[in-house]
Amino acid sequence: MEYILTEYDFGGGLVAAHTHTNGGGKVADTASVAESVYVGPDARVWGNARVWGNAWVYGNARVYGDARVYGNAWVWGDARVYGNAWVWGDARVYGNAWVYDNAWVYGDAWVYGDARVYGNAWVYGDARVWGDARVYGNAWVWGDARVYGNAWVWGDAWVYGNAWVGPDARVGKIPDDVT
């Protein structure tokens, strides 16, 4: 692989980085991005992030920390995938969506708009999470389920099958100290 060596500030000061040959985006030398991956000119990958397979990271998207993006997954727009989050398969994360902590998004799942998936949450299958929705804790959303609007799914909750949760619904365990 031939690339241009440089330094770049990903937000924490200058670090050794290079311009990815497939798309022209900035990649920190500490990160690992396969040649087959498209990293668009305004996209950034840094930290110990790993991106491989036929994944695309483009627009103003950011992948960092110890995040993993692979397979045919796409991350674009102003989306963020970080922490120990994993996005793979044919999953899509876009708009201003964030996937972080130890969350997983995979299969044909989509997370978009201003949605957040975090904690140890999983979104998979053909599930969709969008709008200002939140899926977090140990929650799972899968199958053809939809979580949208300002809905929250948290704790150990499962939303699956053809279920739709929104626009302001709350699904999860209420803490014992709340009366």
N, C-alpha and C. Protein backbone atom coordinates (compact mmCIF):
# COMPACT_ATOMS: atom_id res chain seq x y z
N MET A 1 0.84 -1.17 0.00
CA MET A 1 0.00 0.00 0.00
C MET A 1 0.88 1.23 0.00
N GLU A 2 0.56 2.15 -0.88
CA GLU A 2 1.29 3.40 -0.93
C GLU A 2 0.40 4.50 -0.38
N TYR A 3 0.92 5.27 0.57
CA TYR A 3 0.15 6.38 1.09
C TYR A 3 1.08 7.50 1.50
N ILE A 4 0.48 8.67 1.66
CA ILE A 4 1.24 9.86 2.01
C ILE A 4 1.30 9.97 3.53
N LEU A 5 2.50 10.01 4.08
CA LEU A 5 2.67 10.16 5.52
C LEU A 5 2.47 11.61 5.91
N THR A 6 1.85 11.81 7.05
CA THR A 6 1.60 13.16 7.53
C THR A 6 1.26 13.09 9.01
N GLU A 7 0.94 14.21 9.57
CA GLU A 7 0.38 14.26 10.91
C GLU A 7 -0.99 14.90 10.80
N TYR A 8 -1.87 14.50 11.70
CA TYR A 8 -3.20 15.04 11.65
C TYR A 8 -3.73 15.16 13.07
N ASP A 9 -4.54 16.17 13.32
CA ASP A 9 -5.16 16.36 14.63
C ASP A 9 -6.59 15.84 14.57
N PHE A 10 -6.83 14.69 15.18
CA PHE A 10 -8.16 14.10 15.22
C PHE A 10 -8.98 14.65 16.39
N GLY A 11 -8.41 15.60 17.11
CA GLY A 11 -9.11 16.22 18.23
C GLY A 11 -8.33 16.20 19.52
N GLY A 12 -7.25 15.42 19.58
CA GLY A 12 -6.46 15.32 20.79
C GLY A 12 -5.01 15.71 20.58
N GLY A 13 -4.73 16.46 19.53
CA GLY A 13 -3.36 16.83 19.19
C GLY A 13 -2.88 16.06 17.98
N LEU A 14 -1.76 16.48 17.44
CA LEU A 14 -1.22 15.85 16.24
C LEU A 14 -0.79 14.41 16.50
N VAL A 15 -1.14 13.54 15.59
CA VAL A 15 -0.69 12.14 15.62
C VAL A 15 -0.25 11.75 14.22
N ALA A 16 0.61 10.75 14.15
CA ALA A 16 1.02 10.23 12.85
C ALA A 16 -0.20 9.66 12.13
N ALA A 17 -0.34 10.03 10.88
CA ALA A 17 -1.51 9.61 10.12
C ALA A 17 -1.17 9.56 8.64
N HIS A 18 -2.08 9.04 7.88
CA HIS A 18 -1.89 9.00 6.43
C HIS A 18 -3.24 9.19 5.74
N THR A 19 -3.17 9.49 4.47
CA THR A 19 -4.36 9.61 3.64
C THR A 19 -4.64 8.23 3.05
N HIS A 20 -5.84 7.73 3.28
CA HIS A 20 -6.18 6.40 2.78
C HIS A 20 -6.26 6.42 1.25
N THR A 21 -5.66 5.44 0.63
CA THR A 21 -5.58 5.42 -0.84
C THR A 21 -6.94 5.20 -1.51
N ASN A 22 -7.87 4.57 -0.83
CA ASN A 22 -9.18 4.32 -1.41
C ASN A 22 -10.17 5.33 -0.81
N GLY A 23 -10.16 6.55 -1.31
CA GLY A 23 -11.11 7.57 -0.89
C GLY A 23 -10.50 8.84 -0.37
N GLY A 24 -9.29 8.78 0.15
CA GLY A 24 -8.60 9.99 0.57
C GLY A 24 -8.86 10.47 1.97
N GLY A 25 -9.57 9.69 2.80
CA GLY A 25 -9.82 10.09 4.19
C GLY A 25 -8.58 9.93 5.05
N LYS A 26 -8.58 10.58 6.20
CA LYS A 26 -7.45 10.52 7.12
C LYS A 26 -7.59 9.31 8.04
N VAL A 27 -6.47 8.59 8.20
CA VAL A 27 -6.42 7.41 9.05
C VAL A 27 -5.18 7.51 9.93
N ALA A 28 -5.36 7.43 11.22
CA ALA A 28 -4.22 7.44 12.14
C ALA A 28 -3.40 6.18 11.92
N ASP A 29 -2.10 6.28 12.08
CA ASP A 29 -1.24 5.12 11.90
C ASP A 29 -1.50 4.04 12.96
N THR A 30 -2.15 4.40 14.06
CA THR A 30 -2.49 3.42 15.09
C THR A 30 -3.72 2.61 14.72
N ALA A 31 -4.52 3.10 13.80
CA ALA A 31 -5.72 2.40 13.34
C ALA A 31 -5.35 1.46 12.20
N SER A 32 -6.23 0.52 11.91
CA SER A 32 -5.99 -0.42 10.82
C SER A 32 -7.18 -0.38 9.87
N VAL A 33 -6.93 0.02 8.63
CA VAL A 33 -7.97 0.10 7.61
C VAL A 33 -7.48 -0.65 6.38
N ALA A 34 -8.21 -1.66 5.97
CA ALA A 34 -7.83 -2.45 4.81
C ALA A 34 -7.90 -1.62 3.54
N GLU A 35 -7.08 -1.98 2.57
CA GLU A 35 -7.09 -1.28 1.27
C GLU A 35 -8.45 -1.37 0.59
N SER A 36 -9.19 -2.44 0.85
CA SER A 36 -10.50 -2.63 0.21
C SER A 36 -11.57 -1.69 0.75
N VAL A 37 -11.32 -1.08 1.88
CA VAL A 37 -12.28 -0.18 2.53
C VAL A 37 -12.25 1.18 1.85
N TYR A 38 -13.43 1.78 1.67
CA TYR A 38 -13.51 3.15 1.17
C TYR A 38 -13.63 4.09 2.37
N VAL A 39 -12.68 5.03 2.49
CA VAL A 39 -12.72 6.08 3.50
C VAL A 39 -12.78 7.39 2.74
N GLY A 40 -13.94 8.02 2.72
CA GLY A 40 -14.14 9.24 1.96
C GLY A 40 -13.25 10.38 2.42
N PRO A 41 -13.10 11.40 1.59
CA PRO A 41 -12.13 12.47 1.84
C PRO A 41 -12.35 13.24 3.14
N ASP A 42 -13.58 13.30 3.64
CA ASP A 42 -13.84 14.02 4.89
C ASP A 42 -14.04 13.09 6.08
N ALA A 43 -13.94 11.80 5.87
CA ALA A 43 -14.11 10.82 6.94
C ALA A 43 -12.79 10.63 7.69
N ARG A 44 -12.89 10.15 8.93
CA ARG A 44 -11.71 9.98 9.77
C ARG A 44 -11.79 8.66 10.54
N VAL A 45 -10.64 7.98 10.65
CA VAL A 45 -10.53 6.76 11.45
C VAL A 45 -9.28 6.89 12.30
N TRP A 46 -9.42 6.72 13.62
CA TRP A 46 -8.24 6.89 14.48
C TRP A 46 -8.35 6.03 15.73
N GLY A 47 -7.37 6.21 16.60
CA GLY A 47 -7.28 5.37 17.80
C GLY A 47 -6.84 3.98 17.39
N ASN A 48 -7.44 2.97 18.00
CA ASN A 48 -7.15 1.58 17.66
C ASN A 48 -8.26 0.97 16.83
N ALA A 49 -9.03 1.80 16.17
CA ALA A 49 -10.14 1.32 15.36
C ALA A 49 -9.65 0.41 14.24
N ARG A 50 -10.51 -0.54 13.86
CA ARG A 50 -10.22 -1.47 12.77
C ARG A 50 -11.39 -1.46 11.80
N VAL A 51 -11.07 -1.30 10.51
CA VAL A 51 -12.10 -1.31 9.47
C VAL A 51 -11.60 -2.22 8.35
N TRP A 52 -12.40 -3.21 7.97
CA TRP A 52 -11.94 -4.13 6.93
C TRP A 52 -13.11 -4.67 6.13
N GLY A 53 -12.78 -5.53 5.17
CA GLY A 53 -13.79 -6.06 4.26
C GLY A 53 -14.13 -5.04 3.20
N ASN A 54 -15.41 -4.94 2.88
CA ASN A 54 -15.87 -3.97 1.88
C ASN A 54 -16.60 -2.80 2.52
N ALA A 55 -16.25 -2.50 3.75
CA ALA A 55 -16.91 -1.42 4.48
C ALA A 55 -16.64 -0.07 3.84
N TRP A 56 -17.56 0.86 4.08
CA TRP A 56 -17.44 2.24 3.63
C TRP A 56 -17.59 3.15 4.83
N VAL A 57 -16.71 4.14 4.93
CA VAL A 57 -16.79 5.20 5.93
C VAL A 57 -16.68 6.49 5.13
N TYR A 58 -17.72 7.30 5.11
CA TYR A 58 -17.65 8.48 4.24
C TYR A 58 -18.52 9.60 4.78
N GLY A 59 -18.57 10.69 4.01
CA GLY A 59 -19.20 11.90 4.52
C GLY A 59 -18.30 12.45 5.61
N ASN A 60 -18.89 12.89 6.69
CA ASN A 60 -18.14 13.41 7.84
C ASN A 60 -18.08 12.37 8.96
N ALA A 61 -18.20 11.10 8.61
CA ALA A 61 -18.25 10.02 9.60
C ALA A 61 -16.93 9.86 10.34
N ARG A 62 -17.03 9.36 11.57
CA ARG A 62 -15.88 9.13 12.43
C ARG A 62 -15.96 7.73 13.03
N VAL A 63 -14.84 7.00 12.95
CA VAL A 63 -14.72 5.68 13.59
C VAL A 63 -13.46 5.75 14.43
N TYR A 64 -13.58 5.50 15.73
CA TYR A 64 -12.40 5.68 16.59
C TYR A 64 -12.50 4.87 17.86
N GLY A 65 -11.48 5.04 18.71
CA GLY A 65 -11.39 4.22 19.91
C GLY A 65 -10.98 2.82 19.50
N ASP A 66 -11.66 1.82 20.04
CA ASP A 66 -11.41 0.42 19.68
C ASP A 66 -12.54 -0.14 18.83
N ALA A 67 -13.25 0.72 18.13
CA ALA A 67 -14.39 0.32 17.32
C ALA A 67 -13.97 -0.58 16.16
N ARG A 68 -14.93 -1.40 15.71
CA ARG A 68 -14.74 -2.30 14.58
C ARG A 68 -15.88 -2.08 13.59
N VAL A 69 -15.52 -1.92 12.31
CA VAL A 69 -16.50 -1.81 11.23
C VAL A 69 -16.01 -2.74 10.13
N TYR A 70 -16.87 -3.68 9.70
CA TYR A 70 -16.38 -4.62 8.70
C TYR A 70 -17.51 -5.27 7.92
N GLY A 71 -17.11 -6.15 7.02
CA GLY A 71 -18.09 -6.75 6.12
C GLY A 71 -18.48 -5.73 5.07
N ASN A 72 -19.78 -5.60 4.84
CA ASN A 72 -20.30 -4.62 3.89
C ASN A 72 -20.96 -3.45 4.62
N ALA A 73 -20.58 -3.21 5.85
CA ALA A 73 -21.19 -2.14 6.64
C ALA A 73 -20.81 -0.77 6.09
N TRP A 74 -21.72 0.18 6.24
CA TRP A 74 -21.50 1.56 5.83
C TRP A 74 -21.76 2.47 7.01
N VAL A 75 -20.86 3.44 7.20
CA VAL A 75 -21.01 4.49 8.21
C VAL A 75 -20.84 5.80 7.46
N TRP A 76 -21.86 6.67 7.49
CA TRP A 76 -21.72 7.90 6.71
C TRP A 76 -22.51 9.04 7.32
N GLY A 77 -22.44 10.19 6.64
CA GLY A 77 -23.05 11.40 7.16
C GLY A 77 -22.19 11.93 8.29
N ASP A 78 -22.80 12.30 9.39
CA ASP A 78 -22.08 12.74 10.59
C ASP A 78 -22.07 11.66 11.65
N ALA A 79 -22.24 10.42 11.25
CA ALA A 79 -22.33 9.30 12.19
C ALA A 79 -21.01 9.07 12.91
N ARG A 80 -21.11 8.48 14.11
CA ARG A 80 -19.96 8.14 14.94
C ARG A 80 -20.08 6.70 15.39
N VAL A 81 -18.98 5.96 15.28
CA VAL A 81 -18.88 4.61 15.84
C VAL A 81 -17.61 4.63 16.66
N TYR A 82 -17.73 4.40 17.98
CA TYR A 82 -16.55 4.56 18.82
C TYR A 82 -16.65 3.72 20.09
N GLY A 83 -15.62 3.86 20.91
CA GLY A 83 -15.53 3.01 22.10
C GLY A 83 -15.16 1.61 21.65
N ASN A 84 -15.89 0.63 22.14
CA ASN A 84 -15.69 -0.77 21.74
C ASN A 84 -16.82 -1.26 20.85
N ALA A 85 -17.52 -0.34 20.20
CA ALA A 85 -18.66 -0.70 19.37
C ALA A 85 -18.24 -1.46 18.12
N TRP A 86 -19.11 -2.35 17.66
CA TRP A 86 -18.89 -3.12 16.44
C TRP A 86 -20.09 -2.93 15.51
N VAL A 87 -19.79 -2.68 14.24
CA VAL A 87 -20.81 -2.57 13.19
C VAL A 87 -20.36 -3.48 12.05
N TRP A 88 -21.21 -4.44 11.66
CA TRP A 88 -20.76 -5.36 10.62
C TRP A 88 -21.92 -5.95 9.84
N GLY A 89 -21.56 -6.81 8.90
CA GLY A 89 -22.55 -7.38 8.00
C GLY A 89 -22.92 -6.33 6.97
N ASP A 90 -24.21 -6.16 6.74
CA ASP A 90 -24.71 -5.13 5.83
C ASP A 90 -25.34 -3.97 6.60
N ALA A 91 -24.93 -3.79 7.83
CA ALA A 91 -25.48 -2.74 8.69
C ALA A 91 -25.18 -1.35 8.14
N ARG A 92 -26.05 -0.40 8.50
CA ARG A 92 -25.91 1.00 8.09
C ARG A 92 -26.05 1.89 9.31
N VAL A 93 -25.10 2.80 9.49
CA VAL A 93 -25.16 3.81 10.55
C VAL A 93 -24.95 5.14 9.85
N TYR A 94 -25.94 6.04 9.94
CA TYR A 94 -25.81 7.27 9.17
C TYR A 94 -26.60 8.41 9.77
N GLY A 95 -26.51 9.55 9.09
CA GLY A 95 -27.10 10.77 9.63
C GLY A 95 -26.22 11.26 10.76
N ASN A 96 -26.82 11.56 11.89
CA ASN A 96 -26.09 11.97 13.09
C ASN A 96 -26.13 10.87 14.15
N ALA A 97 -26.30 9.63 13.74
CA ALA A 97 -26.41 8.50 14.67
C ALA A 97 -25.06 8.18 15.30
N TRP A 98 -25.11 7.70 16.54
CA TRP A 98 -23.92 7.27 17.26
C TRP A 98 -24.12 5.85 17.76
N VAL A 99 -23.09 5.04 17.59
CA VAL A 99 -23.03 3.69 18.15
C VAL A 99 -21.76 3.64 18.97
N TYR A 100 -21.87 3.35 20.25
CA TYR A 100 -20.68 3.46 21.11
C TYR A 100 -20.77 2.54 22.32
N ASP A 101 -19.79 2.69 23.19
CA ASP A 101 -19.58 1.79 24.32
C ASP A 101 -19.31 0.40 23.75
N ASN A 102 -20.06 -0.61 24.19
CA ASN A 102 -19.87 -1.99 23.72
C ASN A 102 -21.01 -2.44 22.82
N ALA A 103 -21.70 -1.51 22.20
CA ALA A 103 -22.87 -1.83 21.39
C ALA A 103 -22.48 -2.54 20.09
N TRP A 104 -23.42 -3.36 19.60
CA TRP A 104 -23.26 -4.06 18.33
C TRP A 104 -24.44 -3.71 17.43
N VAL A 105 -24.13 -3.42 16.17
CA VAL A 105 -25.15 -3.24 15.12
C VAL A 105 -24.71 -4.13 13.97
N TYR A 106 -25.56 -5.07 13.58
CA TYR A 106 -25.11 -6.02 12.55
C TYR A 106 -26.27 -6.61 11.77
N GLY A 107 -25.92 -7.47 10.83
CA GLY A 107 -26.92 -8.01 9.92
C GLY A 107 -27.30 -6.93 8.93
N ASP A 108 -28.59 -6.73 8.74
CA ASP A 108 -29.10 -5.68 7.85
C ASP A 108 -29.69 -4.52 8.64
N ALA A 109 -29.29 -4.36 9.89
CA ALA A 109 -29.85 -3.31 10.75
C ALA A 109 -29.40 -1.93 10.30
N TRP A 110 -30.25 -0.93 10.55
CA TRP A 110 -29.96 0.47 10.26
C TRP A 110 -30.17 1.28 11.53
N VAL A 111 -29.23 2.18 11.79
CA VAL A 111 -29.36 3.16 12.88
C VAL A 111 -29.11 4.51 12.23
N TYR A 112 -30.08 5.43 12.35
CA TYR A 112 -29.92 6.68 11.62
C TYR A 112 -30.68 7.82 12.28
N GLY A 113 -30.61 8.99 11.65
CA GLY A 113 -31.17 10.19 12.26
C GLY A 113 -30.26 10.62 13.40
N ASP A 114 -30.85 10.91 14.55
CA ASP A 114 -30.08 11.27 15.74
C ASP A 114 -30.11 10.14 16.76
N ALA A 115 -30.34 8.93 16.32
CA ALA A 115 -30.45 7.78 17.22
C ALA A 115 -29.12 7.47 17.89
N ARG A 116 -29.21 6.84 19.07
CA ARG A 116 -28.03 6.42 19.83
C ARG A 116 -28.23 4.97 20.25
N VAL A 117 -27.19 4.17 20.02
CA VAL A 117 -27.16 2.78 20.49
C VAL A 117 -25.89 2.66 21.32
N TYR A 118 -26.03 2.28 22.59
CA TYR A 118 -24.84 2.30 23.45
C TYR A 118 -25.00 1.33 24.62
N GLY A 119 -24.02 1.36 25.50
CA GLY A 119 -23.97 0.37 26.57
C GLY A 119 -23.60 -0.97 25.96
N ASN A 120 -24.35 -2.01 26.32
CA ASN A 120 -24.13 -3.34 25.75
C ASN A 120 -25.26 -3.73 24.81
N ALA A 121 -25.94 -2.75 24.25
CA ALA A 121 -27.11 -3.00 23.40
C ALA A 121 -26.72 -3.63 22.07
N TRP A 122 -27.67 -4.41 21.53
CA TRP A 122 -27.52 -5.03 20.21
C TRP A 122 -28.71 -4.63 19.36
N VAL A 123 -28.43 -4.26 18.11
CA VAL A 123 -29.46 -4.02 17.10
C VAL A 123 -29.06 -4.87 15.90
N TYR A 124 -29.95 -5.79 15.49
CA TYR A 124 -29.53 -6.70 14.42
C TYR A 124 -30.72 -7.23 13.63
N GLY A 125 -30.41 -8.10 12.68
CA GLY A 125 -31.44 -8.57 11.77
C GLY A 125 -31.79 -7.44 10.81
N ASP A 126 -33.08 -7.22 10.60
CA ASP A 126 -33.55 -6.12 9.75
C ASP A 126 -34.11 -4.97 10.59
N ALA A 127 -33.68 -4.87 11.82
CA ALA A 127 -34.19 -3.83 12.72
C ALA A 127 -33.79 -2.44 12.25
N ARG A 128 -34.60 -1.46 12.64
CA ARG A 128 -34.34 -0.06 12.34
C ARG A 128 -34.51 0.76 13.62
N VAL A 129 -33.56 1.66 13.86
CA VAL A 129 -33.64 2.59 14.98
C VAL A 129 -33.38 3.96 14.41
N TRP A 130 -34.34 4.90 14.61
CA TRP A 130 -34.15 6.21 13.99
C TRP A 130 -34.81 7.32 14.79
N GLY A 131 -34.65 8.52 14.28
CA GLY A 131 -35.16 9.70 14.97
C GLY A 131 -34.24 10.02 16.14
N ASP A 132 -34.82 10.31 17.30
CA ASP A 132 -34.04 10.56 18.51
C ASP A 132 -34.07 9.35 19.43
N ALA A 133 -34.35 8.18 18.89
CA ALA A 133 -34.49 6.97 19.70
C ALA A 133 -33.18 6.60 20.39
N ARG A 134 -33.33 5.91 21.53
CA ARG A 134 -32.19 5.43 22.31
C ARG A 134 -32.39 3.95 22.59
N VAL A 135 -31.34 3.16 22.32
CA VAL A 135 -31.32 1.74 22.69
C VAL A 135 -30.05 1.57 23.50
N TYR A 136 -30.19 1.15 24.77
CA TYR A 136 -29.01 1.13 25.63
C TYR A 136 -29.14 0.11 26.75
N GLY A 137 -28.11 0.08 27.58
CA GLY A 137 -28.07 -0.95 28.61
C GLY A 137 -27.78 -2.29 27.95
N ASN A 138 -28.56 -3.30 28.32
CA ASN A 138 -28.41 -4.64 27.72
C ASN A 138 -29.55 -4.94 26.76
N ALA A 139 -30.20 -3.92 26.25
CA ALA A 139 -31.36 -4.10 25.38
C ALA A 139 -30.97 -4.68 24.03
N TRP A 140 -31.91 -5.46 23.48
CA TRP A 140 -31.75 -6.03 22.14
C TRP A 140 -32.95 -5.64 21.29
N VAL A 141 -32.66 -5.22 20.06
CA VAL A 141 -33.70 -4.94 19.07
C VAL A 141 -33.35 -5.76 17.84
N TRP A 142 -34.28 -6.63 17.41
CA TRP A 142 -33.93 -7.48 16.28
C TRP A 142 -35.16 -7.89 15.47
N GLY A 143 -34.90 -8.68 14.44
CA GLY A 143 -35.97 -9.08 13.53
C GLY A 143 -36.33 -7.89 12.66
N ASP A 144 -37.63 -7.65 12.49
CA ASP A 144 -38.11 -6.50 11.73
C ASP A 144 -38.58 -5.38 12.65
N ALA A 145 -38.10 -5.37 13.87
CA ALA A 145 -38.54 -4.38 14.85
C ALA A 145 -38.11 -2.97 14.46
N ARG A 146 -38.90 -1.99 14.92
CA ARG A 146 -38.65 -0.58 14.66
C ARG A 146 -38.72 0.18 15.97
N VAL A 147 -37.70 1.00 16.23
CA VAL A 147 -37.69 1.90 17.38
C VAL A 147 -37.45 3.28 16.82
N TYR A 148 -38.37 4.22 17.10
CA TYR A 148 -38.29 5.50 16.39
C TYR A 148 -38.78 6.65 17.27
N GLY A 149 -38.67 7.84 16.68
CA GLY A 149 -39.12 9.03 17.39
C GLY A 149 -38.23 9.28 18.59
N ASN A 150 -38.84 9.52 19.74
CA ASN A 150 -38.11 9.76 20.98
C ASN A 150 -38.21 8.56 21.91
N ALA A 151 -38.38 7.37 21.34
CA ALA A 151 -38.54 6.15 22.15
C ALA A 151 -37.22 5.74 22.78
N TRP A 152 -37.32 5.10 23.95
CA TRP A 152 -36.15 4.54 24.65
C TRP A 152 -36.41 3.07 24.90
N VAL A 153 -35.41 2.27 24.61
CA VAL A 153 -35.43 0.86 24.97
C VAL A 153 -34.18 0.62 25.78
N TRP A 154 -34.33 0.14 27.00
CA TRP A 154 -33.16 0.05 27.88
C TRP A 154 -33.23 -1.16 28.80
N GLY A 155 -32.20 -1.24 29.63
CA GLY A 155 -32.15 -2.35 30.59
C GLY A 155 -31.97 -3.66 29.87
N ASP A 156 -32.74 -4.66 30.28
CA ASP A 156 -32.67 -5.98 29.66
C ASP A 156 -33.83 -6.21 28.69
N ALA A 157 -34.42 -5.14 28.19
CA ALA A 157 -35.58 -5.24 27.31
C ALA A 157 -35.22 -5.84 25.95
N TRP A 158 -36.19 -6.58 25.39
CA TRP A 158 -36.07 -7.12 24.04
C TRP A 158 -37.25 -6.58 23.22
N VAL A 159 -36.93 -6.08 22.03
CA VAL A 159 -37.95 -5.67 21.07
C VAL A 159 -37.65 -6.44 19.80
N TYR A 160 -38.62 -7.23 19.32
CA TYR A 160 -38.30 -8.12 18.20
C TYR A 160 -39.54 -8.44 17.38
N GLY A 161 -39.32 -9.26 16.37
CA GLY A 161 -40.42 -9.60 15.47
C GLY A 161 -40.80 -8.39 14.64
N ASN A 162 -42.09 -8.12 14.57
CA ASN A 162 -42.59 -6.97 13.81
C ASN A 162 -43.00 -5.81 14.72
N ALA A 163 -42.48 -5.77 15.93
CA ALA A 163 -42.87 -4.74 16.89
C ALA A 163 -42.37 -3.36 16.47
N TRP A 164 -43.19 -2.36 16.75
CA TRP A 164 -42.84 -0.96 16.54
C TRP A 164 -42.94 -0.28 17.90
N VAL A 165 -41.88 0.45 18.28
CA VAL A 165 -41.85 1.18 19.55
C VAL A 165 -41.60 2.64 19.25
N GLY A 166 -42.54 3.50 19.60
CA GLY A 166 -42.38 4.93 19.37
C GLY A 166 -43.71 5.61 19.56
N PRO A 167 -43.92 6.84 19.32
CA PRO A 167 -42.85 7.80 19.12
C PRO A 167 -42.21 8.27 20.43
N ASP A 168 -42.94 8.15 21.57
CA ASP A 168 -42.39 8.58 22.86
C ASP A 168 -42.41 7.45 23.88
N ALA A 169 -42.46 6.23 23.44
CA ALA A 169 -42.57 5.08 24.33
C ALA A 169 -41.28 4.84 25.12
N ARG A 170 -41.46 4.21 26.28
CA ARG A 170 -40.33 3.79 27.11
C ARG A 170 -40.50 2.31 27.39
N VAL A 171 -39.47 1.52 27.04
CA VAL A 171 -39.53 0.08 27.26
C VAL A 171 -38.27 -0.29 28.04
N GLY A 172 -38.46 -0.78 29.26
CA GLY A 172 -37.31 -1.16 30.08
C GLY A 172 -37.73 -1.33 31.52
N LYS A 173 -36.79 -1.67 32.35
CA LYS A 173 -37.05 -1.87 33.76
C LYS A 173 -36.92 -0.55 34.51
N ILE A 174 -37.96 -0.18 35.23
CA ILE A 174 -37.91 1.02 36.05
C ILE A 174 -37.10 0.69 37.30
N PRO A 175 -36.16 1.54 37.67
CA PRO A 175 -35.35 1.26 38.87
C PRO A 175 -36.22 1.04 40.10
N ASP A 176 -35.78 0.17 41.01
CA ASP A 176 -36.53 -0.17 42.22
C ASP A 176 -36.79 1.02 43.13
N ASP A 177 -35.93 2.02 43.07
CA ASP A 177 -36.08 3.16 43.98
C ASP A 177 -37.01 4.24 43.45
N VAL A 178 -37.68 4.00 42.32
CA VAL A 178 -38.63 4.97 41.76
C VAL A 178 -40.04 4.50 42.10
N THR A 179 -40.83 5.36 42.71
CA THR A 179 -42.21 4.98 43.06
C THR A 179 -43.21 5.73 42.24
